[in-house]
């Protein structure tokens, strides 16, 4: 049980360390105003909450084997979207 608590704490800590760094990096590209900073922070928080909701839904509805296949399908779909957009940008 302590391993799960420690794992969740470390992942949340690392996420909240990366969030301001990425926000600060992309801030000049979008104007650098306080509203941009707030929007970037809101984006991270919304997607973090969505990730928690997705994980909760996944654990309640599917077995471990089905979770694995669902994750593989999502990774393949995201890879195909990124590959397609990359090919479009090259031409």
PDB file of N, CA and C in Angstrom:
ATOM      1  N   UNK A   1       0.822  -1.198   0.000  1.00  0.00           N
ATOM      2  CA  UNK A   1       0.000   0.000   0.000  1.00  0.00           C
ATOM      3  C   UNK A   1       0.870   1.268   0.000  1.00  0.00           C
ATOM      4  N   UNK A   2       1.942   1.218   0.734  1.00  0.00           N
ATOM      5  CA  UNK A   2       2.812   2.396   0.810  1.00  0.00           C
ATOM      6  C   UNK A   2       3.474   2.671  -0.543  1.00  0.00           C
ATOM      7  N   UNK A   3       3.714   1.606  -1.327  1.00  0.00           N
ATOM      8  CA  UNK A   3       4.316   1.797  -2.651  1.00  0.00           C
ATOM      9  C   UNK A   3       3.378   2.586  -3.561  1.00  0.00           C
ATOM     10  N   UNK A   4       2.075   2.303  -3.485  1.00  0.00           N
ATOM     11  CA  UNK A   4       1.113   3.041  -4.302  1.00  0.00           C
ATOM     12  C   UNK A   4       1.042   4.511  -3.889  1.00  0.00           C
ATOM     13  N   UNK A   5       1.009   4.742  -2.609  1.00  0.00           N
ATOM     14  CA  UNK A   5       0.949   6.121  -2.107  1.00  0.00           C
ATOM     15  C   UNK A   5       2.199   6.887  -2.527  1.00  0.00           C
ATOM     16  N   UNK A   6       3.333   6.264  -2.371  1.00  0.00           N
ATOM     17  CA  UNK A   6       4.593   6.898  -2.752  1.00  0.00           C
ATOM     18  C   UNK A   6       4.649   7.149  -4.265  1.00  0.00           C
ATOM     19  N   UNK A   7       4.183   6.196  -5.047  1.00  0.00           N
ATOM     20  CA  UNK A   7       4.161   6.348  -6.494  1.00  0.00           C
ATOM     21  C   UNK A   7       3.269   7.508  -6.922  1.00  0.00           C
ATOM     22  N   UNK A   8       2.088   7.604  -6.345  1.00  0.00           N
ATOM     23  CA  UNK A   8       1.168   8.688  -6.689  1.00  0.00           C
ATOM     24  C   UNK A   8       1.750  10.031  -6.263  1.00  0.00           C
ATOM     25  N   UNK A   9       2.337  10.091  -5.083  1.00  0.00           N
ATOM     26  CA  UNK A   9       2.924  11.336  -4.602  1.00  0.00           C
ATOM     27  C   UNK A   9       4.065  11.796  -5.508  1.00  0.00           C
ATOM     28  N   UNK A  10       4.951  10.870  -5.879  1.00  0.00           N
ATOM     29  CA  UNK A  10       6.092  11.241  -6.725  1.00  0.00           C
ATOM     30  C   UNK A  10       5.623  11.682  -8.107  1.00  0.00           C
ATOM     31  N   UNK A  11       4.645  10.974  -8.689  1.00  0.00           N
ATOM     32  CA  UNK A  11       4.169  11.363 -10.024  1.00  0.00           C
ATOM     33  C   UNK A  11       3.498  12.734  -9.995  1.00  0.00           C
ATOM     34  N   UNK A  12       2.707  13.009  -8.958  1.00  0.00           N
ATOM     35  CA  UNK A  12       2.074  14.327  -8.848  1.00  0.00           C
ATOM     36  C   UNK A  12       3.128  15.411  -8.635  1.00  0.00           C
ATOM     37  N   UNK A  13       4.120  15.134  -7.805  1.00  0.00           N
ATOM     38  CA  UNK A  13       5.193  16.088  -7.557  1.00  0.00           C
ATOM     39  C   UNK A  13       5.942  16.414  -8.846  1.00  0.00           C
ATOM     40  N   UNK A  14       6.285  15.379  -9.620  1.00  0.00           N
ATOM     41  CA  UNK A  14       7.009  15.599 -10.866  1.00  0.00           C
ATOM     42  C   UNK A  14       6.160  16.360 -11.881  1.00  0.00           C
ATOM     43  N   UNK A  15       4.877  16.052 -11.942  1.00  0.00           N
ATOM     44  CA  UNK A  15       4.000  16.768 -12.861  1.00  0.00           C
ATOM     45  C   UNK A  15       3.940  18.243 -12.502  1.00  0.00           C
ATOM     46  N   UNK A  16       3.826  18.550 -11.225  1.00  0.00           N
ATOM     47  CA  UNK A  16       3.738  19.944 -10.816  1.00  0.00           C
ATOM     48  C   UNK A  16       5.083  20.656 -10.896  1.00  0.00           C
ATOM     49  N   UNK A  17       6.171  19.911 -11.095  1.00  0.00           N
ATOM     50  CA  UNK A  17       7.461  20.539 -11.368  1.00  0.00           C
ATOM     51  C   UNK A  17       7.603  20.852 -12.857  1.00  0.00           C
ATOM     52  N   UNK A  18       7.080  19.984 -13.700  1.00  0.00           N
ATOM     53  CA  UNK A  18       7.185  20.158 -15.144  1.00  0.00           C
ATOM     54  C   UNK A  18       6.209  21.225 -15.636  1.00  0.00           C
ATOM     55  N   UNK A  19       5.040  21.285 -15.044  1.00  0.00           N
ATOM     56  CA  UNK A  19       3.987  22.210 -15.488  1.00  0.00           C
ATOM     57  C   UNK A  19       4.461  23.661 -15.570  1.00  0.00           C
ATOM     58  N   UNK A  20       5.053  24.243 -14.537  1.00  0.00           N
ATOM     59  CA  UNK A  20       5.504  25.637 -14.674  1.00  0.00           C
ATOM     60  C   UNK A  20       6.662  25.814 -15.650  1.00  0.00           C
ATOM     61  N   UNK A  21       7.520  24.795 -15.767  1.00  0.00           N
ATOM     62  CA  UNK A  21       8.633  24.916 -16.708  1.00  0.00           C
ATOM     63  C   UNK A  21       8.130  24.981 -18.148  1.00  0.00           C
ATOM     64  N   UNK A  22       7.191  24.110 -18.495  1.00  0.00           N
ATOM     65  CA  UNK A  22       6.638  24.140 -19.848  1.00  0.00           C
ATOM     66  C   UNK A  22       5.861  25.427 -20.068  1.00  0.00           C
ATOM     67  N   UNK A  23       5.113  25.840 -19.060  1.00  0.00           N
ATOM     68  CA  UNK A  23       4.354  27.089 -19.182  1.00  0.00           C
ATOM     69  C   UNK A  23       5.281  28.265 -19.438  1.00  0.00           C
ATOM     70  N   UNK A  24       6.359  28.320 -18.714  1.00  0.00           N
ATOM     71  CA  UNK A  24       7.305  29.424 -18.884  1.00  0.00           C
ATOM     72  C   UNK A  24       7.989  29.367 -20.245  1.00  0.00           C
ATOM     73  N   UNK A  25       8.228  28.152 -20.739  1.00  0.00           N
ATOM     74  CA  UNK A  25       8.873  27.994 -22.041  1.00  0.00           C
ATOM     75  C   UNK A  25       7.969  28.472 -23.180  1.00  0.00           C
ATOM     76  N   UNK A  26       6.685  28.124 -23.139  1.00  0.00           N
ATOM     77  CA  UNK A  26       5.804  28.472 -24.259  1.00  0.00           C
ATOM     78  C   UNK A  26       5.154  29.838 -24.102  1.00  0.00           C
ATOM     79  N   UNK A  27       5.298  30.455 -22.957  1.00  0.00           N
ATOM     80  CA  UNK A  27       4.676  31.750 -22.713  1.00  0.00           C
ATOM     81  C   UNK A  27       5.058  32.815 -23.742  1.00  0.00           C
ATOM     82  N   UNK A  28       6.344  32.978 -24.118  1.00  0.00           N
ATOM     83  CA  UNK A  28       6.681  34.016 -25.103  1.00  0.00           C
ATOM     84  C   UNK A  28       6.061  33.786 -26.483  1.00  0.00           C
ATOM     85  N   UNK A  29       5.789  32.543 -26.838  1.00  0.00           N
ATOM     86  CA  UNK A  29       5.204  32.262 -28.151  1.00  0.00           C
ATOM     87  C   UNK A  29       3.772  32.767 -28.262  1.00  0.00           C
ATOM     88  N   UNK A  30       3.088  32.894 -27.124  1.00  0.00           N
ATOM     89  CA  UNK A  30       1.683  33.281 -27.134  1.00  0.00           C
ATOM     90  C   UNK A  30       1.434  34.667 -26.557  1.00  0.00           C
ATOM     91  N   UNK A  31       2.467  35.451 -26.360  1.00  0.00           N
ATOM     92  CA  UNK A  31       2.282  36.830 -25.965  1.00  0.00           C
ATOM     93  C   UNK A  31       2.789  37.173 -24.577  1.00  0.00           C
ATOM     94  N   UNK A  32       2.870  36.207 -23.692  1.00  0.00           N
ATOM     95  CA  UNK A  32       3.445  36.435 -22.387  1.00  0.00           C
ATOM     96  C   UNK A  32       2.579  37.200 -21.406  1.00  0.00           C
ATOM     97  N   UNK A  33       1.295  37.299 -21.643  1.00  0.00           N
ATOM     98  CA  UNK A  33       0.421  38.025 -20.725  1.00  0.00           C
ATOM     99  C   UNK A  33      -0.048  37.095 -19.606  1.00  0.00           C
ATOM    100  N   UNK A  34      -0.517  37.668 -18.511  1.00  0.00           N
ATOM    101  CA  UNK A  34      -1.020  36.839 -17.419  1.00  0.00           C
ATOM    102  C   UNK A  34      -2.175  35.926 -17.826  1.00  0.00           C
ATOM    103  N   UNK A  35      -2.978  36.354 -18.779  1.00  0.00           N
ATOM    104  CA  UNK A  35      -4.083  35.497 -19.218  1.00  0.00           C
ATOM    105  C   UNK A  35      -3.563  34.247 -19.924  1.00  0.00           C
ATOM    106  N   UNK A  36      -2.438  34.372 -20.625  1.00  0.00           N
ATOM    107  CA  UNK A  36      -1.836  33.204 -21.271  1.00  0.00           C
ATOM    108  C   UNK A  36      -1.337  32.235 -20.212  1.00  0.00           C
ATOM    109  N   UNK A  37      -0.703  32.751 -19.183  1.00  0.00           N
ATOM    110  CA  UNK A  37      -0.212  31.909 -18.094  1.00  0.00           C
ATOM    111  C   UNK A  37      -1.382  31.175 -17.434  1.00  0.00           C
ATOM    112  N   UNK A  38      -2.454  31.869 -17.176  1.00  0.00           N
ATOM    113  CA  UNK A  38      -3.627  31.248 -16.552  1.00  0.00           C
ATOM    114  C   UNK A  38      -4.233  30.168 -17.448  1.00  0.00           C
ATOM    115  N   UNK A  39      -4.261  30.430 -18.743  1.00  0.00           N
ATOM    116  CA  UNK A  39      -4.812  29.456 -19.682  1.00  0.00           C
ATOM    117  C   UNK A  39      -3.957  28.195 -19.736  1.00  0.00           C
ATOM    118  N   UNK A  40      -2.659  28.358 -19.739  1.00  0.00           N
ATOM    119  CA  UNK A  40      -1.766  27.202 -19.765  1.00  0.00           C
ATOM    120  C   UNK A  40      -1.911  26.383 -18.479  1.00  0.00           C
ATOM    121  N   UNK A  41      -1.977  27.053 -17.358  1.00  0.00           N
ATOM    122  CA  UNK A  41      -2.143  26.344 -16.087  1.00  0.00           C
ATOM    123  C   UNK A  41      -3.494  25.627 -16.040  1.00  0.00           C
ATOM    124  N   UNK A  42      -4.528  26.280 -16.544  1.00  0.00           N
ATOM    125  CA  UNK A  42      -5.850  25.656 -16.592  1.00  0.00           C
ATOM    126  C   UNK A  42      -5.836  24.432 -17.488  1.00  0.00           C
ATOM    127  N   UNK A  43      -5.137  24.523 -18.618  1.00  0.00           N
ATOM    128  CA  UNK A  43      -5.015  23.381 -19.524  1.00  0.00           C
ATOM    129  C   UNK A  43      -4.422  22.183 -18.799  1.00  0.00           C
ATOM    130  N   UNK A  44      -3.321  22.382 -18.076  1.00  0.00           N
ATOM    131  CA  UNK A  44      -2.692  21.291 -17.348  1.00  0.00           C
ATOM    132  C   UNK A  44      -3.640  20.709 -16.305  1.00  0.00           C
ATOM    133  N   UNK A  45      -4.320  21.548 -15.567  1.00  0.00           N
ATOM    134  CA  UNK A  45      -5.206  21.074 -14.513  1.00  0.00           C
ATOM    135  C   UNK A  45      -6.391  20.297 -15.073  1.00  0.00           C
ATOM    136  N   UNK A  46      -6.956  20.775 -16.171  1.00  0.00           N
ATOM    137  CA  UNK A  46      -8.099  20.085 -16.781  1.00  0.00           C
ATOM    138  C   UNK A  46      -7.679  18.719 -17.299  1.00  0.00           C
ATOM    139  N   UNK A  47      -6.540  18.653 -17.966  1.00  0.00           N
ATOM    140  CA  UNK A  47      -6.103  17.368 -18.488  1.00  0.00           C
ATOM    141  C   UNK A  47      -5.645  16.425 -17.380  1.00  0.00           C
ATOM    142  N   UNK A  48      -5.115  16.931 -16.303  1.00  0.00           N
ATOM    143  CA  UNK A  48      -4.776  16.096 -15.159  1.00  0.00           C
ATOM    144  C   UNK A  48      -6.040  15.502 -14.552  1.00  0.00           C
ATOM    145  N   UNK A  49      -7.063  16.323 -14.371  1.00  0.00           N
ATOM    146  CA  UNK A  49      -8.327  15.832 -13.834  1.00  0.00           C
ATOM    147  C   UNK A  49      -8.965  14.832 -14.793  1.00  0.00           C
ATOM    148  N   UNK A  50      -8.883  15.112 -16.090  1.00  0.00           N
ATOM    149  CA  UNK A  50      -9.396  14.170 -17.082  1.00  0.00           C
ATOM    150  C   UNK A  50      -8.648  12.845 -17.055  1.00  0.00           C
ATOM    151  N   UNK A  51      -7.361  12.901 -16.845  1.00  0.00           N
ATOM    152  CA  UNK A  51      -6.571  11.670 -16.730  1.00  0.00           C
ATOM    153  C   UNK A  51      -6.961  10.852 -15.518  1.00  0.00           C
ATOM    154  N   UNK A  52      -7.210  11.527 -14.400  1.00  0.00           N
ATOM    155  CA  UNK A  52      -7.676  10.813 -13.209  1.00  0.00           C
ATOM    156  C   UNK A  52      -9.048  10.193 -13.444  1.00  0.00           C
ATOM    157  N   UNK A  53      -9.935  10.919 -14.107  1.00  0.00           N
ATOM    158  CA  UNK A  53     -11.273  10.377 -14.405  1.00  0.00           C
ATOM    159  C   UNK A  53     -11.161   9.181 -15.348  1.00  0.00           C
ATOM    160  N   UNK A  54     -10.304   9.276 -16.356  1.00  0.00           N
ATOM    161  CA  UNK A  54     -10.094   8.170 -17.293  1.00  0.00           C
ATOM    162  C   UNK A  54      -9.569   6.933 -16.566  1.00  0.00           C
ATOM    163  N   UNK A  55      -8.586   7.123 -15.698  1.00  0.00           N
ATOM    164  CA  UNK A  55      -8.028   5.993 -14.960  1.00  0.00           C
ATOM    165  C   UNK A  55      -9.069   5.353 -14.053  1.00  0.00           C
ATOM    166  N   UNK A  56      -9.864   6.167 -13.393  1.00  0.00           N
ATOM    167  CA  UNK A  56     -10.912   5.639 -12.524  1.00  0.00           C
ATOM    168  C   UNK A  56     -11.944   4.857 -13.328  1.00  0.00           C
ATOM    169  N   UNK A  57     -12.366   5.419 -14.459  1.00  0.00           N
ATOM    170  CA  UNK A  57     -13.338   4.751 -15.314  1.00  0.00           C
ATOM    171  C   UNK A  57     -12.779   3.441 -15.850  1.00  0.00           C
ATOM    172  N   UNK A  58     -11.514   3.455 -16.237  1.00  0.00           N
ATOM    173  CA  UNK A  58     -10.883   2.274 -16.816  1.00  0.00           C
ATOM    174  C   UNK A  58     -10.792   1.137 -15.809  1.00  0.00           C
ATOM    175  N   UNK A  59     -10.414   1.448 -14.585  1.00  0.00           N
ATOM    176  CA  UNK A  59     -10.267   0.423 -13.557  1.00  0.00           C
ATOM    177  C   UNK A  59     -11.616  -0.175 -13.181  1.00  0.00           C
ATOM    178  N   UNK A  60     -12.657   0.641 -13.164  1.00  0.00           N
ATOM    179  CA  UNK A  60     -13.976   0.161 -12.779  1.00  0.00           C
ATOM    180  C   UNK A  60     -14.637  -0.691 -13.856  1.00  0.00           C
ATOM    181  N   UNK A  61     -14.331  -0.442 -15.120  1.00  0.00           N
ATOM    182  CA  UNK A  61     -15.071  -1.082 -16.207  1.00  0.00           C
ATOM    183  C   UNK A  61     -14.368  -2.263 -16.858  1.00  0.00           C
ATOM    184  N   UNK A  62     -13.041  -2.306 -16.858  1.00  0.00           N
ATOM    185  CA  UNK A  62     -12.330  -3.304 -17.648  1.00  0.00           C
ATOM    186  C   UNK A  62     -11.366  -4.117 -16.804  1.00  0.00           C
ATOM    187  N   UNK A  63     -11.102  -5.328 -17.283  1.00  0.00           N
ATOM    188  CA  UNK A  63     -10.087  -6.166 -16.647  1.00  0.00           C
ATOM    189  C   UNK A  63      -8.704  -5.652 -17.065  1.00  0.00           C
ATOM    190  N   UNK A  64      -7.687  -6.200 -16.447  1.00  0.00           N
ATOM    191  CA  UNK A  64      -6.321  -5.744 -16.733  1.00  0.00           C
ATOM    192  C   UNK A  64      -5.961  -6.025 -18.186  1.00  0.00           C
ATOM    193  N   UNK A  65      -6.361  -7.179 -18.703  1.00  0.00           N
ATOM    194  CA  UNK A  65      -6.040  -7.513 -20.090  1.00  0.00           C
ATOM    195  C   UNK A  65      -6.724  -6.552 -21.062  1.00  0.00           C
ATOM    196  N   UNK A  66      -7.977  -6.211 -20.806  1.00  0.00           N
ATOM    197  CA  UNK A  66      -8.676  -5.272 -21.676  1.00  0.00           C
ATOM    198  C   UNK A  66      -8.095  -3.867 -21.538  1.00  0.00           C
ATOM    199  N   UNK A  67      -7.648  -3.504 -20.338  1.00  0.00           N
ATOM    200  CA  UNK A  67      -6.999  -2.208 -20.147  1.00  0.00           C
ATOM    201  C   UNK A  67      -5.734  -2.119 -20.998  1.00  0.00           C
ATOM    202  N   UNK A  68      -4.968  -3.207 -21.018  1.00  0.00           N
ATOM    203  CA  UNK A  68      -3.737  -3.246 -21.808  1.00  0.00           C
ATOM    204  C   UNK A  68      -4.048  -3.032 -23.284  1.00  0.00           C
ATOM    205  N   UNK A  69      -5.037  -3.737 -23.814  1.00  0.00           N
ATOM    206  CA  UNK A  69      -5.380  -3.606 -25.224  1.00  0.00           C
ATOM    207  C   UNK A  69      -5.937  -2.227 -25.545  1.00  0.00           C
ATOM    208  N   UNK A  70      -6.699  -1.670 -24.612  1.00  0.00           N
ATOM    209  CA  UNK A  70      -7.218  -0.324 -24.836  1.00  0.00           C
ATOM    210  C   UNK A  70      -6.086   0.701 -24.899  1.00  0.00           C
ATOM    211  N   UNK A  71      -5.104   0.563 -24.002  1.00  0.00           N
ATOM    212  CA  UNK A  71      -3.957   1.472 -24.015  1.00  0.00           C
ATOM    213  C   UNK A  71      -3.133   1.306 -25.291  1.00  0.00           C
ATOM    214  N   UNK A  72      -2.957   0.081 -25.728  1.00  0.00           N
ATOM    215  CA  UNK A  72      -2.216  -0.152 -26.974  1.00  0.00           C
ATOM    216  C   UNK A  72      -2.951   0.492 -28.145  1.00  0.00           C
ATOM    217  N   UNK A  73      -4.279   0.346 -28.174  1.00  0.00           N
ATOM    218  CA  UNK A  73      -5.073   0.952 -29.250  1.00  0.00           C
ATOM    219  C   UNK A  73      -4.971   2.475 -29.209  1.00  0.00           C
ATOM    220  N   UNK A  74      -5.043   3.065 -28.021  1.00  0.00           N
ATOM    221  CA  UNK A  74      -4.930   4.521 -27.908  1.00  0.00           C
ATOM    222  C   UNK A  74      -3.544   5.015 -28.310  1.00  0.00           C
ATOM    223  N   UNK A  75      -2.509   4.286 -27.918  1.00  0.00           N
ATOM    224  CA  UNK A  75      -1.150   4.666 -28.318  1.00  0.00           C
ATOM    225  C   UNK A  75      -0.973   4.555 -29.825  1.00  0.00           C
ATOM    226  N   UNK A  76      -1.520   3.500 -30.424  1.00  0.00           N
ATOM    227  CA  UNK A  76      -1.423   3.344 -31.876  1.00  0.00           C
ATOM    228  C   UNK A  76      -2.178   4.468 -32.594  1.00  0.00           C
ATOM    229  N   UNK A  77      -3.352   4.805 -32.096  1.00  0.00           N
ATOM    230  CA  UNK A  77      -4.132   5.884 -32.716  1.00  0.00           C
ATOM    231  C   UNK A  77      -3.404   7.216 -32.605  1.00  0.00           C
ATOM    232  N   UNK A  78      -2.842   7.495 -31.439  1.00  0.00           N
ATOM    233  CA  UNK A  78      -2.123   8.760 -31.285  1.00  0.00           C
ATOM    234  C   UNK A  78      -0.857   8.780 -32.135  1.00  0.00           C
ATOM    235  N   UNK A  79      -0.201   7.643 -32.252  1.00  0.00           N
ATOM    236  CA  UNK A  79       0.984   7.574 -33.098  1.00  0.00           C
ATOM    237  C   UNK A  79       0.616   7.831 -34.551  1.00  0.00           C
ATOM    238  N   UNK A  80      -0.508   7.271 -35.001  1.00  0.00           N
ATOM    239  CA  UNK A  80      -0.925   7.479 -36.385  1.00  0.00           C
ATOM    240  C   UNK A  80      -1.271   8.947 -36.641  1.00  0.00           C
ATOM    241  N   UNK A  81      -1.905   9.608 -35.679  1.00  0.00           N
ATOM    242  CA  UNK A  81      -2.237  11.026 -35.850  1.00  0.00           C
ATOM    243  C   UNK A  81      -0.959  11.861 -35.930  1.00  0.00           C
ATOM    244  N   UNK A  82      -0.021  11.585 -35.046  1.00  0.00           N
ATOM    245  CA  UNK A  82       1.239  12.332 -35.064  1.00  0.00           C
ATOM    246  C   UNK A  82       2.000  12.060 -36.352  1.00  0.00           C
ATOM    247  N   UNK A  83       2.036  10.807 -36.790  1.00  0.00           N
ATOM    248  CA  UNK A  83       2.745  10.465 -38.028  1.00  0.00           C
ATOM    249  C   UNK A  83       2.087  11.140 -39.225  1.00  0.00           C
ATOM    250  N   UNK A  84       0.764  11.169 -39.246  1.00  0.00           N
ATOM    251  CA  UNK A  84       0.057  11.804 -40.352  1.00  0.00           C
ATOM    252  C   UNK A  84       0.337  13.302 -40.380  1.00  0.00           C
ATOM    253  N   UNK A  85       0.280  13.949 -39.231  1.00  0.00           N
ATOM    254  CA  UNK A  85       0.545  15.387 -39.184  1.00  0.00           C
ATOM    255  C   UNK A  85       1.992  15.698 -39.539  1.00  0.00           C
ATOM    256  N   UNK A  86       2.900  14.820 -39.158  1.00  0.00           N
ATOM    257  CA  UNK A  86       4.301  15.021 -39.494  1.00  0.00           C
ATOM    258  C   UNK A  86       4.503  14.909 -40.993  1.00  0.00           C
ATOM    259  N   UNK A  87       3.860  13.923 -41.625  1.00  0.00           N
ATOM    260  CA  UNK A  87       3.975  13.779 -43.071  1.00  0.00           C
ATOM    261  C   UNK A  87       3.368  14.951 -43.806  1.00  0.00           C
ATOM    262  N   UNK A  88       2.250  15.481 -43.301  1.00  0.00           N
ATOM    263  CA  UNK A  88       1.617  16.641 -43.933  1.00  0.00           C
ATOM    264  C   UNK A  88       2.534  17.863 -43.863  1.00  0.00           C
ATOM    265  N   UNK A  89       3.220  18.023 -42.742  1.00  0.00           N
ATOM    266  CA  UNK A  89       4.112  19.173 -42.579  1.00  0.00           C
ATOM    267  C   UNK A  89       5.335  19.067 -43.485  1.00  0.00           C
ATOM    268  N   UNK A  90       5.756  17.857 -43.827  1.00  0.00           N
ATOM    269  CA  UNK A  90       6.933  17.692 -44.674  1.00  0.00           C
ATOM    270  C   UNK A  90       6.646  18.025 -46.122  1.00  0.00           C
ATOM    271  N   UNK A  91       5.388  17.959 -46.534  1.00  0.00           N
ATOM    272  CA  UNK A  91       5.059  18.191 -47.942  1.00  0.00           C
ATOM    273  C   UNK A  91       4.461  19.525 -48.161  1.00  0.00           C
TER     274      UNK A  91
END
